[in-house]
Amino acid sequence: GDAYREHPRLTNVISKYNFYRRRKKMSEREEILGVDLGTTNTAAGLMDQGQLQLVENREGQKLTSSNLYLPSMDDVTVGDRAKNMRLSRPDYCVGRFKPFMPKKSTAVFTHPDSGARLTAVDASTHVLDYIVGCAEDYFGIEVVKLVIGVPAHFGQEARDGTKQAGLNLDVKEVKLRNEPTLAIRAQAHTGTRNLRGWIGVFDVGGGTFDLTVCHVTPDRTTVSATDGHHRLGGEDFTLAVYRYIQERFKEEHGIEFDPADPEDGAYLQDLWDRAEKVKLDLTSLGETMNSCMAKGEQITVELTRDGFEGLNSENIEAIR
């Protein structure tokens, strides 16, 4: 309703002087919110009568892009609208900051106008602030506790940074749980209840790849070993298709794109969206066909799953 659209925490604008404040109590109902604070996307949910209920953000989506757009340091947009500005105004955007999470990390973003700096903790706080605001308004609750999933390979400094990002919202408690442990528990909750022994969790996220070996008993899940590629993820697979589409425009129409040109930036954003759609289509289809238009010209991108794997041979080999 109108209250949902007009809630001040859902305007996508967060003042750096206000986001540490104690939030106004919205309801007598206090809840624990679980958050997957991802490199490229963030999701959150809570348990209601034994069922997981996912938070919908202001745009009605259950996934929120972990991107920020900062025309100024006290004017911050979170989510897809920020993601869509990356190609047209890249100097004012920041994303994929999770791998740089250490509490006292160097800046992941320096504002081109003011020179002000943003750390991974600051950036994560903005994302969490937006997600918590969406949850509070969507469910009519007050979030008093956060449970945030973290990669098993995170060291103590990175864990402290993640926890601080949550505590910046002035919730009563923030707990961290290893992502592979949560994955195993979720699998058990959804029906595979006999998980026992040595389990491998293969996690290709948007920006990272993690392989974790866990030992599972009826009472305990123990992380025994973890490794992976902390700079490789799903967006790199999208990037391979994106570059392929640009090559096709050059080969067929002699068109090249300049990211510094605002008009070209708009075309490039559309091509990125098309590349992402191709990747998502091939998750369930053996082949896909998409039309792409730019600068008055059109190409048809036909790609099979084998062709997609060919474009991403280096990424696949890196995962192996």
C-alpha atoms as a PDB file:
ATOM      1  CA  GLY A   1       0.000   0.000   0.000  1.00  0.00           C
ATOM      2  CA  ASP A   2       0.934   3.670   0.255  1.00  0.00           C
ATOM      3  CA  ALA A   3       2.768   3.160   3.544  1.00  0.00           C
ATOM      4  CA  TYR A   4       4.981   0.567   1.901  1.00  0.00           C
ATOM      5  CA  ARG A   5       5.892   2.876  -0.969  1.00  0.00           C
ATOM      6  CA  GLU A   6       6.368   5.923   1.250  1.00  0.00           C
ATOM      7  CA  HIS A   7       8.325   4.366   4.125  1.00  0.00           C
ATOM      8  CA  PRO A   8      11.394   6.592   4.637  1.00  0.00           C
ATOM      9  CA  ARG A   9      13.785   3.608   4.751  1.00  0.00           C
ATOM     10  CA  LEU A  10      12.553   2.465   1.364  1.00  0.00           C
ATOM     11  CA  THR A  11      13.301   5.604  -0.591  1.00  0.00           C
ATOM     12  CA  ASN A  12      16.689   4.130  -1.605  1.00  0.00           C
ATOM     13  CA  VAL A  13      18.269   7.310  -0.226  1.00  0.00           C
ATOM     14  CA  ILE A  14      20.228   6.805   3.000  1.00  0.00           C
ATOM     15  CA  SER A  15      21.964   9.666   4.774  1.00  0.00           C
ATOM     16  CA  LYS A  16      25.375   8.666   6.081  1.00  0.00           C
ATOM     17  CA  TYR A  17      24.495  10.695   9.186  1.00  0.00           C
ATOM     18  CA  ASN A  18      21.277   8.787   9.835  1.00  0.00           C
ATOM     19  CA  PHE A  19      21.806   5.147   9.042  1.00  0.00           C
ATOM     20  CA  TYR A  20      23.393   4.464  12.463  1.00  0.00           C
ATOM     21  CA  ARG A  21      20.330   5.741  14.308  1.00  0.00           C
ATOM     22  CA  ARG A  22      18.054   3.549  16.377  1.00  0.00           C
ATOM     23  CA  ARG A  23      15.118   2.670  14.162  1.00  0.00           C
ATOM     24  CA  LYS A  24      11.610   3.608  15.149  1.00  0.00           C
ATOM     25  CA  LYS A  25       9.776   0.622  16.580  1.00  0.00           C
ATOM     26  CA  MET A  26       7.208  -0.372  13.964  1.00  0.00           C
ATOM     27  CA  SER A  27       5.485  -3.297  15.629  1.00  0.00           C
ATOM     28  CA  GLU A  28       5.224  -5.284  18.836  1.00  0.00           C
ATOM     29  CA  ARG A  29       6.343  -8.255  16.760  1.00  0.00           C
ATOM     30  CA  GLU A  30      10.111  -8.685  17.033  1.00  0.00           C
ATOM     31  CA  GLU A  31      11.835 -11.012  14.596  1.00  0.00           C
ATOM     32  CA  ILE A  32      15.143 -12.576  13.649  1.00  0.00           C
ATOM     33  CA  LEU A  33      16.119 -11.916  10.044  1.00  0.00           C
ATOM     34  CA  GLY A  34      18.416 -14.234   8.118  1.00  0.00           C
ATOM     35  CA  VAL A  35      20.533 -12.526   5.450  1.00  0.00           C
ATOM     36  CA  ASP A  36      22.563 -13.882   2.561  1.00  0.00           C
ATOM     37  CA  LEU A  37      24.818 -10.879   2.025  1.00  0.00           C
ATOM     38  CA  GLY A  38      26.138 -11.858  -1.385  1.00  0.00           C
ATOM     39  CA  THR A  39      28.880 -10.474  -3.585  1.00  0.00           C
ATOM     40  CA  THR A  40      26.433  -9.630  -6.376  1.00  0.00           C
ATOM     41  CA  ASN A  41      22.989 -10.168  -4.838  1.00  0.00           C
ATOM     42  CA  THR A  42      21.514 -10.120  -1.344  1.00  0.00           C
ATOM     43  CA  ALA A  43      18.458 -11.968  -0.060  1.00  0.00           C
ATOM     44  CA  ALA A  44      16.784 -12.160   3.332  1.00  0.00           C
ATOM     45  CA  GLY A  45      14.020 -14.131   4.990  1.00  0.00           C
ATOM     46  CA  LEU A  46      12.429 -15.178   8.238  1.00  0.00           C
ATOM     47  CA  MET A  47      10.687 -18.280   9.527  1.00  0.00           C
ATOM     48  CA  ASP A  48       6.923 -18.077   9.925  1.00  0.00           C
ATOM     49  CA  GLN A  49       5.136 -21.155  11.289  1.00  0.00           C
ATOM     50  CA  GLY A  50       7.935 -23.399  10.089  1.00  0.00           C
ATOM     51  CA  GLN A  51       8.026 -21.923   6.588  1.00  0.00           C
ATOM     52  CA  LEU A  52      10.662 -19.626   5.120  1.00  0.00           C
ATOM     53  CA  GLN A  53       9.240 -16.308   3.965  1.00  0.00           C
ATOM     54  CA  LEU A  54      11.543 -14.276   1.720  1.00  0.00           C
ATOM     55  CA  VAL A  55      11.640 -10.495   1.885  1.00  0.00           C
ATOM     56  CA  GLU A  56      10.494  -8.593  -1.185  1.00  0.00           C
ATOM     57  CA  ASN A  57      12.293  -5.337  -1.793  1.00  0.00           C
ATOM     58  CA  ARG A  58      10.722  -2.082  -2.925  1.00  0.00           C
ATOM     59  CA  GLU A  59      10.658  -3.279  -6.531  1.00  0.00           C
ATOM     60  CA  GLY A  60       8.853  -6.492  -5.542  1.00  0.00           C
ATOM     61  CA  GLN A  61      11.974  -8.637  -6.035  1.00  0.00           C
ATOM     62  CA  LYS A  62      13.300 -11.310  -3.695  1.00  0.00           C
ATOM     63  CA  LEU A  63      16.870 -10.674  -4.808  1.00  0.00           C
ATOM     64  CA  THR A  64      18.455  -7.259  -4.287  1.00  0.00           C
ATOM     65  CA  SER A  65      21.553  -6.379  -6.268  1.00  0.00           C
ATOM     66  CA  SER A  66      24.516  -5.688  -3.943  1.00  0.00           C
ATOM     67  CA  ASN A  67      25.400  -2.513  -5.793  1.00  0.00           C
ATOM     68  CA  LEU A  68      25.494   1.119  -4.733  1.00  0.00           C
ATOM     69  CA  TYR A  69      25.151   4.267  -6.802  1.00  0.00           C
ATOM     70  CA  LEU A  70      26.433   7.389  -5.054  1.00  0.00           C
ATOM     71  CA  PRO A  71      25.922  10.712  -6.870  1.00  0.00           C
ATOM     72  CA  SER A  72      27.011  12.092  -3.482  1.00  0.00           C
ATOM     73  CA  MET A  73      28.045  10.363  -0.263  1.00  0.00           C
ATOM     74  CA  ASP A  74      24.725  11.151   1.420  1.00  0.00           C
ATOM     75  CA  ASP A  75      22.612  10.161  -1.600  1.00  0.00           C
ATOM     76  CA  VAL A  76      22.907   6.383  -1.936  1.00  0.00           C
ATOM     77  CA  THR A  77      20.855   4.114  -4.180  1.00  0.00           C
ATOM     78  CA  VAL A  78      20.857   0.371  -3.458  1.00  0.00           C
ATOM     79  CA  GLY A  79      19.804  -2.439  -5.781  1.00  0.00           C
ATOM     80  CA  ASP A  80      19.034  -2.842  -9.468  1.00  0.00           C
ATOM     81  CA  ARG A  81      18.823   0.880 -10.106  1.00  0.00           C
ATOM     82  CA  ALA A  82      22.397   1.167  -8.858  1.00  0.00           C
ATOM     83  CA  LYS A  83      23.455  -1.832 -10.914  1.00  0.00           C
ATOM     84  CA  ASN A  84      21.968  -0.250 -14.026  1.00  0.00           C
ATOM     85  CA  MET A  85      24.168   2.821 -13.574  1.00  0.00           C
ATOM     86  CA  ARG A  86      27.439   0.856 -13.622  1.00  0.00           C
ATOM     87  CA  LEU A  87      28.019   1.192 -17.349  1.00  0.00           C
ATOM     88  CA  SER A  88      26.814   4.768 -17.799  1.00  0.00           C
ATOM     89  CA  ARG A  89      28.330   6.266 -14.609  1.00  0.00           C
ATOM     90  CA  PRO A  90      30.883   3.722 -13.374  1.00  0.00           C
ATOM     91  CA  ASP A  91      32.860   6.241 -11.303  1.00  0.00           C
ATOM     92  CA  TYR A  92      29.836   6.754  -9.051  1.00  0.00           C
ATOM     93  CA  CYS A  93      29.102   3.055  -8.515  1.00  0.00           C
ATOM     94  CA  VAL A  94      30.535   0.322  -6.340  1.00  0.00           C
ATOM     95  CA  GLY A  95      29.839  -3.404  -6.215  1.00  0.00           C
ATOM     96  CA  ARG A  96      31.562  -6.728  -5.544  1.00  0.00           C
ATOM     97  CA  PHE A  97      32.962  -5.357  -2.283  1.00  0.00           C
ATOM     98  CA  LYS A  98      32.360  -8.485  -0.195  1.00  0.00           C
ATOM     99  CA  PRO A  99      35.803  -9.999  -0.955  1.00  0.00           C
ATOM    100  CA  PHE A 100      37.360  -6.854   0.552  1.00  0.00           C
ATOM    101  CA  MET A 101      35.482  -7.185   3.831  1.00  0.00           C
ATOM    102  CA  PRO A 102      38.246  -6.904   6.486  1.00  0.00           C
ATOM    103  CA  LYS A 103      37.086  -4.521   9.190  1.00  0.00           C
ATOM    104  CA  LYS A 104      39.949  -2.060   8.640  1.00  0.00           C
ATOM    105  CA  SER A 105      40.124  -2.523   4.892  1.00  0.00           C
ATOM    106  CA  THR A 106      41.222   0.112   2.460  1.00  0.00           C
ATOM    107  CA  ALA A 107      38.537   1.989   0.557  1.00  0.00           C
ATOM    108  CA  VAL A 108      36.526   0.092  -2.045  1.00  0.00           C
ATOM    109  CA  PHE A 109      35.202   3.395  -3.410  1.00  0.00           C
ATOM    110  CA  THR A 110      36.479   6.966  -3.599  1.00  0.00           C
ATOM    111  CA  HIS A 111      33.957   9.579  -4.654  1.00  0.00           C
ATOM    112  CA  PRO A 112      35.170  11.356  -7.817  1.00  0.00           C
ATOM    113  CA  ASP A 113      33.838  14.754  -6.696  1.00  0.00           C
ATOM    114  CA  SER A 114      34.436  14.901  -2.947  1.00  0.00           C
ATOM    115  CA  GLY A 115      37.236  12.367  -2.525  1.00  0.00           C
ATOM    116  CA  ALA A 116      35.306  10.780   0.341  1.00  0.00           C
ATOM    117  CA  ARG A 117      36.021   7.097   0.829  1.00  0.00           C
ATOM    118  CA  LEU A 118      33.830   4.072   1.449  1.00  0.00           C
ATOM    119  CA  THR A 119      35.028   0.793   2.977  1.00  0.00           C
ATOM    120  CA  ALA A 120      33.515  -2.640   2.411  1.00  0.00           C
ATOM    121  CA  VAL A 121      31.976  -2.381   5.882  1.00  0.00           C
ATOM    122  CA  ASP A 122      30.338   0.946   4.977  1.00  0.00           C
ATOM    123  CA  ALA A 123      29.033  -0.431   1.678  1.00  0.00           C
ATOM    124  CA  SER A 124      27.675  -3.565   3.357  1.00  0.00           C
ATOM    125  CA  THR A 125      25.944  -1.415   5.989  1.00  0.00           C
ATOM    126  CA  HIS A 126      24.080   0.454   3.243  1.00  0.00           C
ATOM    127  CA  VAL A 127      22.892  -2.818   1.697  1.00  0.00           C
ATOM    128  CA  LEU A 128      21.852  -4.280   5.058  1.00  0.00           C
ATOM    129  CA  ASP A 129      20.085  -1.049   6.019  1.00  0.00           C
ATOM    130  CA  TYR A 130      18.002  -1.201   2.860  1.00  0.00           C
ATOM    131  CA  ILE A 131      17.206  -4.911   3.280  1.00  0.00           C
ATOM    132  CA  VAL A 132      16.245  -4.550   6.944  1.00  0.00           C
ATOM    133  CA  GLY A 133      14.013  -1.598   6.075  1.00  0.00           C
ATOM    134  CA  CYS A 134      12.300  -3.656   3.370  1.00  0.00           C
ATOM    135  CA  ALA A 135      11.760  -6.542   5.806  1.00  0.00           C
ATOM    136  CA  GLU A 136      10.351  -4.328   8.537  1.00  0.00           C
ATOM    137  CA  ASP A 137       7.849  -2.712   6.251  1.00  0.00           C
ATOM    138  CA  TYR A 138       6.985  -5.790   4.178  1.00  0.00           C
ATOM    139  CA  PHE A 139       6.193  -7.917   7.250  1.00  0.00           C
ATOM    140  CA  GLY A 140       5.227  -5.130   9.664  1.00  0.00           C
ATOM    141  CA  ILE A 141       7.878  -6.159  12.190  1.00  0.00           C
ATOM    142  CA  GLU A 142      10.888  -4.839  14.048  1.00  0.00           C
ATOM    143  CA  VAL A 143      14.105  -6.690  13.240  1.00  0.00           C
ATOM    144  CA  VAL A 144      15.993  -7.127  16.511  1.00  0.00           C
ATOM    145  CA  LYS A 145      18.529  -9.767  15.483  1.00  0.00           C
ATOM    146  CA  LEU A 146      20.423 -10.578  12.289  1.00  0.00           C
ATOM    147  CA  VAL A 147      21.889 -13.918  11.276  1.00  0.00           C
ATOM    148  CA  ILE A 148      24.286 -13.356   8.371  1.00  0.00           C
ATOM    149  CA  GLY A 149      25.878 -16.101   6.299  1.00  0.00           C
ATOM    150  CA  VAL A 150      29.614 -15.766   5.620  1.00  0.00           C
ATOM    151  CA  PRO A 151      31.991 -17.849   3.479  1.00  0.00           C
ATOM    152  CA  ALA A 152      33.783 -20.570   5.403  1.00  0.00           C
ATOM    153  CA  HIS A 153      37.122 -19.129   4.263  1.00  0.00           C
ATOM    154  CA  PHE A 154      36.452 -15.759   5.936  1.00  0.00           C
ATOM    155  CA  GLY A 155      39.075 -15.039   8.578  1.00  0.00           C
ATOM    156  CA  GLN A 156      38.416 -13.327  11.875  1.00  0.00           C
ATOM    157  CA  GLU A 157      38.973  -9.821  10.503  1.00  0.00           C
ATOM    158  CA  ALA A 158      36.480 -10.344   7.668  1.00  0.00           C
ATOM    159  CA  ARG A 159      33.973 -11.836  10.122  1.00  0.00           C
ATOM    160  CA  ASP A 160      34.403  -8.874  12.453  1.00  0.00           C
ATOM    161  CA  GLY A 161      33.805  -6.510   9.519  1.00  0.00           C
ATOM    162  CA  THR A 162      30.612  -8.312   8.514  1.00  0.00           C
ATOM    163  CA  LYS A 163      29.357  -8.272  12.083  1.00  0.00           C
ATOM    164  CA  GLN A 164      30.132  -4.563  12.410  1.00  0.00           C
ATOM    165  CA  ALA A 165      28.112  -3.826   9.256  1.00  0.00           C
ATOM    166  CA  GLY A 166      25.100  -5.374  10.967  1.00  0.00           C
ATOM    167  CA  LEU A 167      25.726  -3.745  14.343  1.00  0.00           C
ATOM    168  CA  ASN A 168      25.840  -0.343  12.613  1.00  0.00           C
ATOM    169  CA  LEU A 169      22.057  -0.714  12.252  1.00  0.00           C
ATOM    170  CA  ASP A 170      21.699  -0.768  16.056  1.00  0.00           C
ATOM    171  CA  VAL A 171      20.036  -4.172  16.190  1.00  0.00           C
ATOM    172  CA  LYS A 172      20.301  -6.053  19.489  1.00  0.00           C
ATOM    173  CA  GLU A 173      22.425  -8.911  18.183  1.00  0.00           C
ATOM    174  CA  VAL A 174      24.256 -10.062  15.062  1.00  0.00           C
ATOM    175  CA  LYS A 175      25.297 -13.689  14.623  1.00  0.00           C
ATOM    176  CA  LEU A 176      27.372 -15.158  11.802  1.00  0.00           C
ATOM    177  CA  ARG A 177      27.038 -18.637  10.361  1.00  0.00           C
ATOM    178  CA  ASN A 178      29.176 -20.381   7.741  1.00  0.00           C
ATOM    179  CA  GLU A 179      27.399 -20.456   4.378  1.00  0.00           C
ATOM    180  CA  PRO A 180      28.070 -24.175   3.668  1.00  0.00           C
ATOM    181  CA  THR A 181      26.676 -25.084   7.095  1.00  0.00           C
ATOM    182  CA  LEU A 182      23.529 -23.100   6.323  1.00  0.00           C
ATOM    183  CA  ALA A 183      23.282 -24.800   2.906  1.00  0.00           C
ATOM    184  CA  ILE A 184      23.384 -28.239   4.522  1.00  0.00           C
ATOM    185  CA  ARG A 185      20.776 -27.258   7.097  1.00  0.00           C
ATOM    186  CA  ALA A 186      18.543 -25.821   4.393  1.00  0.00           C
ATOM    187  CA  GLN A 187      18.845 -29.026   2.365  1.00  0.00           C
ATOM    188  CA  ALA A 188      17.847 -31.044   5.421  1.00  0.00           C
ATOM    189  CA  HIS A 189      14.918 -28.714   6.108  1.00  0.00           C
ATOM    190  CA  THR A 190      13.565 -29.060   2.566  1.00  0.00           C
ATOM    191  CA  GLY A 191      13.436 -32.842   2.630  1.00  0.00           C
ATOM    192  CA  THR A 192      16.881 -34.456   2.455  1.00  0.00           C
ATOM    193  CA  ARG A 193      16.954 -35.331   6.131  1.00  0.00           C
ATOM    194  CA  ASN A 194      19.529 -38.139   6.075  1.00  0.00           C
ATOM    195  CA  LEU A 195      22.607 -36.080   5.306  1.00  0.00           C
ATOM    196  CA  ARG A 196      25.425 -37.763   7.174  1.00  0.00           C
ATOM    197  CA  GLY A 197      29.171 -38.184   6.815  1.00  0.00           C
ATOM    198  CA  TRP A 198      31.403 -36.189   4.471  1.00  0.00           C
ATOM    199  CA  ILE A 199      29.533 -33.641   2.341  1.00  0.00           C
ATOM    200  CA  GLY A 200      30.985 -31.359  -0.326  1.00  0.00           C
ATOM    201  CA  VAL A 201      29.300 -27.980  -0.857  1.00  0.00           C
ATOM    202  CA  PHE A 202      29.988 -26.512  -4.305  1.00  0.00           C
ATOM    203  CA  ASP A 203      28.992 -22.849  -4.274  1.00  0.00           C
ATOM    204  CA  VAL A 204      29.331 -20.729  -7.424  1.00  0.00           C
ATOM    205  CA  GLY A 205      28.061 -17.336  -6.348  1.00  0.00           C
ATOM    206  CA  GLY A 206      27.777 -14.143  -8.324  1.00  0.00           C
ATOM    207  CA  GLY A 207      31.328 -13.061  -7.614  1.00  0.00           C
ATOM    208  CA  THR A 208      33.094 -15.940  -5.871  1.00  0.00           C
ATOM    209  CA  PHE A 209      33.437 -19.714  -6.039  1.00  0.00           C
ATOM    210  CA  ASP A 210      33.810 -21.777  -2.860  1.00  0.00           C
ATOM    211  CA  LEU A 211      34.233 -25.515  -2.344  1.00  0.00           C
ATOM    212  CA  THR A 212      33.823 -26.640   1.242  1.00  0.00           C
ATOM    213  CA  VAL A 213      34.100 -30.130   2.745  1.00  0.00           C
ATOM    214  CA  CYS A 214      31.978 -30.646   5.852  1.00  0.00           C
ATOM    215  CA  HIS A 215      31.511 -33.545   8.234  1.00  0.00           C
ATOM    216  CA  VAL A 216      27.879 -33.963   9.242  1.00  0.00           C
ATOM    217  CA  THR A 217      26.592 -35.844  12.276  1.00  0.00           C
ATOM    218  CA  PRO A 218      23.074 -35.790  13.759  1.00  0.00           C
ATOM    219  CA  ASP A 219      24.186 -33.100  16.205  1.00  0.00           C
ATOM    220  CA  ARG A 220      26.863 -31.102  14.433  1.00  0.00           C
ATOM    221  CA  THR A 221      28.139 -29.835  11.078  1.00  0.00           C
ATOM    222  CA  THR A 222      31.891 -29.206  11.040  1.00  0.00           C
ATOM    223  CA  VAL A 223      33.779 -27.399   8.290  1.00  0.00           C
ATOM    224  CA  SER A 224      36.870 -29.523   7.636  1.00  0.00           C
ATOM    225  CA  ALA A 225      38.378 -27.802   4.604  1.00  0.00           C
ATOM    226  CA  THR A 226      37.554 -24.917   2.290  1.00  0.00           C
ATOM    227  CA  ASP A 227      39.072 -23.417  -0.816  1.00  0.00           C
ATOM    228  CA  GLY A 228      37.970 -21.762  -4.016  1.00  0.00           C
ATOM    229  CA  HIS A 229      38.411 -18.783  -6.287  1.00  0.00           C
ATOM    230  CA  HIS A 230      37.556 -15.529  -4.531  1.00  0.00           C
ATOM    231  CA  ARG A 231      37.464 -13.385  -7.689  1.00  0.00           C
ATOM    232  CA  LEU A 232      35.445 -15.681  -9.981  1.00  0.00           C
ATOM    233  CA  GLY A 233      31.687 -16.049 -10.072  1.00  0.00           C
ATOM    234  CA  GLY A 234      28.510 -15.886 -12.107  1.00  0.00           C
ATOM    235  CA  GLU A 235      29.100 -12.340 -13.344  1.00  0.00           C
ATOM    236  CA  ASP A 236      32.282 -13.543 -15.063  1.00  0.00           C
ATOM    237  CA  PHE A 237      30.167 -16.013 -17.051  1.00  0.00           C
ATOM    238  CA  THR A 238      27.830 -13.161 -18.018  1.00  0.00           C
ATOM    239  CA  LEU A 239      30.866 -11.091 -19.019  1.00  0.00           C
ATOM    240  CA  ALA A 240      31.963 -13.728 -21.551  1.00  0.00           C
ATOM    241  CA  VAL A 241      28.560 -13.558 -23.300  1.00  0.00           C
ATOM    242  CA  TYR A 242      28.568  -9.749 -23.102  1.00  0.00           C
ATOM    243  CA  ARG A 243      31.937  -9.589 -24.880  1.00  0.00           C
ATOM    244  CA  TYR A 244      30.720 -12.082 -27.470  1.00  0.00           C
ATOM    245  CA  ILE A 245      27.701  -9.874 -28.272  1.00  0.00           C
ATOM    246  CA  GLN A 246      29.964  -6.841 -28.701  1.00  0.00           C
ATOM    247  CA  GLU A 247      32.233  -8.823 -31.026  1.00  0.00           C
ATOM    248  CA  ARG A 248      29.201  -9.790 -33.126  1.00  0.00           C
ATOM    249  CA  PHE A 249      28.198  -6.126 -33.526  1.00  0.00           C
ATOM    250  CA  LYS A 250      31.720  -5.280 -34.623  1.00  0.00           C
ATOM    251  CA  GLU A 251      31.947  -8.176 -37.088  1.00  0.00           C
ATOM    252  CA  GLU A 252      28.496  -7.743 -38.646  1.00  0.00           C
ATOM    253  CA  HIS A 253      28.014  -3.956 -38.529  1.00  0.00           C
ATOM    254  CA  GLY A 254      31.411  -2.446 -37.727  1.00  0.00           C
ATOM    255  CA  ILE A 255      30.009  -1.046 -34.487  1.00  0.00           C
ATOM    256  CA  GLU A 256      32.224  -0.430 -31.495  1.00  0.00           C
ATOM    257  CA  PHE A 257      31.182   1.001 -28.150  1.00  0.00           C
ATOM    258  CA  ASP A 258      32.851   3.619 -25.958  1.00  0.00           C
ATOM    259  CA  PRO A 259      31.944   3.186 -22.266  1.00  0.00           C
ATOM    260  CA  ALA A 260      32.855   6.849 -21.669  1.00  0.00           C
ATOM    261  CA  ASP A 261      30.104   7.968 -24.072  1.00  0.00           C
ATOM    262  CA  PRO A 262      26.773   8.262 -22.164  1.00  0.00           C
ATOM    263  CA  GLU A 263      24.773   7.123 -25.207  1.00  0.00           C
ATOM    264  CA  ASP A 264      27.010   4.094 -25.674  1.00  0.00           C
ATOM    265  CA  GLY A 265      26.740   3.431 -21.943  1.00  0.00           C
ATOM    266  CA  ALA A 266      22.979   3.009 -22.319  1.00  0.00           C
ATOM    267  CA  TYR A 267      23.478   0.570 -25.198  1.00  0.00           C
ATOM    268  CA  LEU A 268      26.073  -1.360 -23.202  1.00  0.00           C
ATOM    269  CA  GLN A 269      23.736  -1.653 -20.243  1.00  0.00           C
ATOM    270  CA  ASP A 270      21.088  -3.159 -22.504  1.00  0.00           C
ATOM    271  CA  LEU A 271      23.648  -5.594 -23.967  1.00  0.00           C
ATOM    272  CA  TRP A 272      24.666  -6.635 -20.453  1.00  0.00           C
ATOM    273  CA  ASP A 273      21.027  -7.315 -19.580  1.00  0.00           C
ATOM    274  CA  ARG A 274      20.700  -9.402 -22.759  1.00  0.00           C
ATOM    275  CA  ALA A 275      23.836 -11.343 -21.883  1.00  0.00           C
ATOM    276  CA  GLU A 276      22.472 -12.051 -18.420  1.00  0.00           C
ATOM    277  CA  LYS A 277      19.189 -13.272 -19.941  1.00  0.00           C
ATOM    278  CA  VAL A 278      21.102 -15.627 -22.249  1.00  0.00           C
ATOM    279  CA  LYS A 279      22.906 -17.105 -19.257  1.00  0.00           C
ATOM    280  CA  LEU A 280      19.695 -17.523 -17.267  1.00  0.00           C
ATOM    281  CA  ASP A 281      17.864 -19.065 -20.257  1.00  0.00           C
ATOM    282  CA  LEU A 282      20.589 -21.676 -20.655  1.00  0.00           C
ATOM    283  CA  THR A 283      20.155 -22.739 -17.045  1.00  0.00           C
ATOM    284  CA  SER A 284      17.024 -24.628 -18.083  1.00  0.00           C
ATOM    285  CA  LEU A 285      17.169 -24.658 -21.905  1.00  0.00           C
ATOM    286  CA  GLY A 286      19.518 -26.391 -24.312  1.00  0.00           C
ATOM    287  CA  GLU A 287      19.612 -23.351 -26.583  1.00  0.00           C
ATOM    288  CA  THR A 288      18.340 -19.786 -26.664  1.00  0.00           C
ATOM    289  CA  MET A 289      17.772 -17.005 -29.203  1.00  0.00           C
ATOM    290  CA  ASN A 290      17.774 -13.297 -28.384  1.00  0.00           C
ATOM    291  CA  SER A 291      17.616 -10.155 -30.520  1.00  0.00           C
ATOM    292  CA  CYS A 292      19.958  -7.305 -29.619  1.00  0.00           C
ATOM    293  CA  MET A 293      19.678  -3.763 -30.995  1.00  0.00           C
ATOM    294  CA  ALA A 294      22.164  -0.913 -30.803  1.00  0.00           C
ATOM    295  CA  LYS A 295      22.819   2.221 -32.871  1.00  0.00           C
ATOM    296  CA  GLY A 296      20.070   1.359 -35.330  1.00  0.00           C
ATOM    297  CA  GLU A 297      21.395  -2.144 -36.043  1.00  0.00           C
ATOM    298  CA  GLN A 298      20.256  -5.549 -34.907  1.00  0.00           C
ATOM    299  CA  ILE A 299      21.853  -8.944 -34.399  1.00  0.00           C
ATOM    300  CA  THR A 300      20.351 -12.275 -33.387  1.00  0.00           C
ATOM    301  CA  VAL A 301      22.281 -14.153 -30.736  1.00  0.00           C
ATOM    302  CA  GLU A 302      21.713 -17.884 -30.982  1.00  0.00           C
ATOM    303  CA  LEU A 303      23.622 -19.835 -28.375  1.00  0.00           C
ATOM    304  CA  THR A 304      23.538 -23.428 -27.210  1.00  0.00           C
ATOM    305  CA  ARG A 305      24.631 -24.609 -23.811  1.00  0.00           C
ATOM    306  CA  ASP A 306      27.742 -26.109 -25.432  1.00  0.00           C
ATOM    307  CA  GLY A 307      28.450 -22.748 -27.069  1.00  0.00           C
ATOM    308  CA  PHE A 308      28.060 -21.005 -23.726  1.00  0.00           C
ATOM    309  CA  GLU A 309      30.525 -23.409 -22.151  1.00  0.00           C
ATOM    310  CA  GLY A 310      32.912 -22.750 -25.018  1.00  0.00           C
ATOM    311  CA  LEU A 311      32.804 -19.001 -24.354  1.00  0.00           C
ATOM    312  CA  ASN A 312      33.481 -19.736 -20.700  1.00  0.00           C
ATOM    313  CA  SER A 313      36.091 -22.458 -21.105  1.00  0.00           C
ATOM    314  CA  GLU A 314      38.685 -20.530 -19.070  1.00  0.00           C
ATOM    315  CA  ASN A 315      36.199 -19.871 -16.247  1.00  0.00           C
ATOM    316  CA  ILE A 316      35.130 -23.511 -16.177  1.00  0.00           C
ATOM    317  CA  GLU A 317      38.730 -24.677 -16.130  1.00  0.00           C
ATOM    318  CA  ALA A 318      39.468 -22.315 -13.242  1.00  0.00           C
ATOM    319  CA  ILE A 319      36.626 -23.863 -11.253  1.00  0.00           C
ATOM    320  CA  ARG A 320      37.828 -27.388 -11.952  1.00  0.00           C
END
